[in-house]
Amino acid sequence: VKVSVVVQAAGKELTEAEIYERATEDWCKAGNKKTDLKELAVYVKPEESAIFYVINGKATGRVAF
């Protein structure tokens, strides 16, 4: 089964791939390597226009929705 996720809110739309890219880019800007990413948990909060993430169970961050 192939699953596709698209989040729509307040006239904005983000695909699963775009959310992944924003979170990983933010994480890499902090000095991490994309190859070290093993697990990504994402929490989308449209009311805050934010995407919160947890990488590898410990690194956290926030990017714009």
C-alpha atoms as a PDB file:
ATOM      1  CA  VAL A   1       0.000   0.000   0.000  1.00  0.00           C
ATOM      2  CA  LYS A   2       1.384   3.362  -1.003  1.00  0.00           C
ATOM      3  CA  VAL A   3       0.352   6.214   1.282  1.00  0.00           C
ATOM      4  CA  SER A   4       0.533   9.907   0.433  1.00  0.00           C
ATOM      5  CA  VAL A   5       0.023  12.615   3.042  1.00  0.00           C
ATOM      6  CA  VAL A   6      -0.851  16.239   2.255  1.00  0.00           C
ATOM      7  CA  VAL A   7      -1.552  18.752   5.020  1.00  0.00           C
ATOM      8  CA  GLN A   8      -3.784  21.698   4.105  1.00  0.00           C
ATOM      9  CA  ALA A   9      -4.533  24.665   6.356  1.00  0.00           C
ATOM     10  CA  ALA A  10      -5.005  28.416   6.082  1.00  0.00           C
ATOM     11  CA  GLY A  11      -4.567  28.370   2.317  1.00  0.00           C
ATOM     12  CA  LYS A  12      -1.267  26.496   2.537  1.00  0.00           C
ATOM     13  CA  GLU A  13      -0.452  22.966   1.435  1.00  0.00           C
ATOM     14  CA  LEU A  14       2.528  20.758   2.256  1.00  0.00           C
ATOM     15  CA  THR A  15       3.259  17.251   1.112  1.00  0.00           C
ATOM     16  CA  GLU A  16       4.922  14.609   3.239  1.00  0.00           C
ATOM     17  CA  ALA A  17       8.119  15.046   1.191  1.00  0.00           C
ATOM     18  CA  GLU A  18       8.147  18.826   1.744  1.00  0.00           C
ATOM     19  CA  ILE A  19       7.691  18.386   5.490  1.00  0.00           C
ATOM     20  CA  TYR A  20      10.542  15.845   5.579  1.00  0.00           C
ATOM     21  CA  GLU A  21      12.787  18.193   3.596  1.00  0.00           C
ATOM     22  CA  ARG A  22      12.107  21.207   5.837  1.00  0.00           C
ATOM     23  CA  ALA A  23      12.764  19.225   9.014  1.00  0.00           C
ATOM     24  CA  THR A  24      15.956  17.591   7.741  1.00  0.00           C
ATOM     25  CA  GLU A  25      17.324  20.866   6.325  1.00  0.00           C
ATOM     26  CA  ASP A  26      16.779  22.530   9.699  1.00  0.00           C
ATOM     27  CA  TRP A  27      18.481  19.629  11.495  1.00  0.00           C
ATOM     28  CA  CYS A  28      21.454  19.711   9.114  1.00  0.00           C
ATOM     29  CA  LYS A  29      21.870  23.478   9.642  1.00  0.00           C
ATOM     30  CA  ALA A  30      22.572  22.617  13.283  1.00  0.00           C
ATOM     31  CA  GLY A  31      25.625  20.611  12.175  1.00  0.00           C
ATOM     32  CA  ASN A  32      24.087  17.159  11.785  1.00  0.00           C
ATOM     33  CA  LYS A  33      24.472  14.831   8.803  1.00  0.00           C
ATOM     34  CA  LYS A  34      21.440  13.669   6.847  1.00  0.00           C
ATOM     35  CA  THR A  35      22.922  10.157   6.828  1.00  0.00           C
ATOM     36  CA  ASP A  36      22.701  10.075  10.651  1.00  0.00           C
ATOM     37  CA  LEU A  37      18.907  10.469  10.544  1.00  0.00           C
ATOM     38  CA  LYS A  38      17.278   7.163  11.460  1.00  0.00           C
ATOM     39  CA  GLU A  39      13.853   8.189  12.777  1.00  0.00           C
ATOM     40  CA  LEU A  40      11.699  11.268  12.245  1.00  0.00           C
ATOM     41  CA  ALA A  41       8.512  12.088  14.158  1.00  0.00           C
ATOM     42  CA  VAL A  42       6.518  15.079  12.895  1.00  0.00           C
ATOM     43  CA  TYR A  43       3.824  17.115  14.615  1.00  0.00           C
ATOM     44  CA  VAL A  44       1.980  19.600  12.389  1.00  0.00           C
ATOM     45  CA  LYS A  45       0.271  22.486  14.203  1.00  0.00           C
ATOM     46  CA  PRO A  46      -1.495  24.614  11.581  1.00  0.00           C
ATOM     47  CA  GLU A  47      -2.906  26.960  14.235  1.00  0.00           C
ATOM     48  CA  GLU A  48       0.693  27.933  15.100  1.00  0.00           C
ATOM     49  CA  SER A  49       1.819  27.764  11.448  1.00  0.00           C
ATOM     50  CA  ALA A  50       4.510  25.370  12.631  1.00  0.00           C
ATOM     51  CA  ILE A  51       5.902  21.900  12.155  1.00  0.00           C
ATOM     52  CA  PHE A  52       7.605  20.401  15.185  1.00  0.00           C
ATOM     53  CA  TYR A  53       9.924  17.428  14.802  1.00  0.00           C
ATOM     54  CA  VAL A  54      11.871  14.900  16.843  1.00  0.00           C
ATOM     55  CA  ILE A  55      14.816  13.177  15.194  1.00  0.00           C
ATOM     56  CA  ASN A  56      16.266   9.917  16.471  1.00  0.00           C
ATOM     57  CA  GLY A  57      14.161  10.215  19.610  1.00  0.00           C
ATOM     58  CA  LYS A  58      16.076  13.168  21.041  1.00  0.00           C
ATOM     59  CA  ALA A  59      16.815  16.131  18.731  1.00  0.00           C
ATOM     60  CA  THR A  60      13.893  18.529  18.487  1.00  0.00           C
ATOM     61  CA  GLY A  61      13.121  21.503  16.319  1.00  0.00           C
ATOM     62  CA  ARG A  62      10.500  23.714  14.728  1.00  0.00           C
ATOM     63  CA  VAL A  63      10.104  24.924  11.162  1.00  0.00           C
ATOM     64  CA  ALA A  64       7.503  27.053   9.416  1.00  0.00           C
ATOM     65  CA  PHE A  65       4.373  25.424   8.026  1.00  0.00           C
END
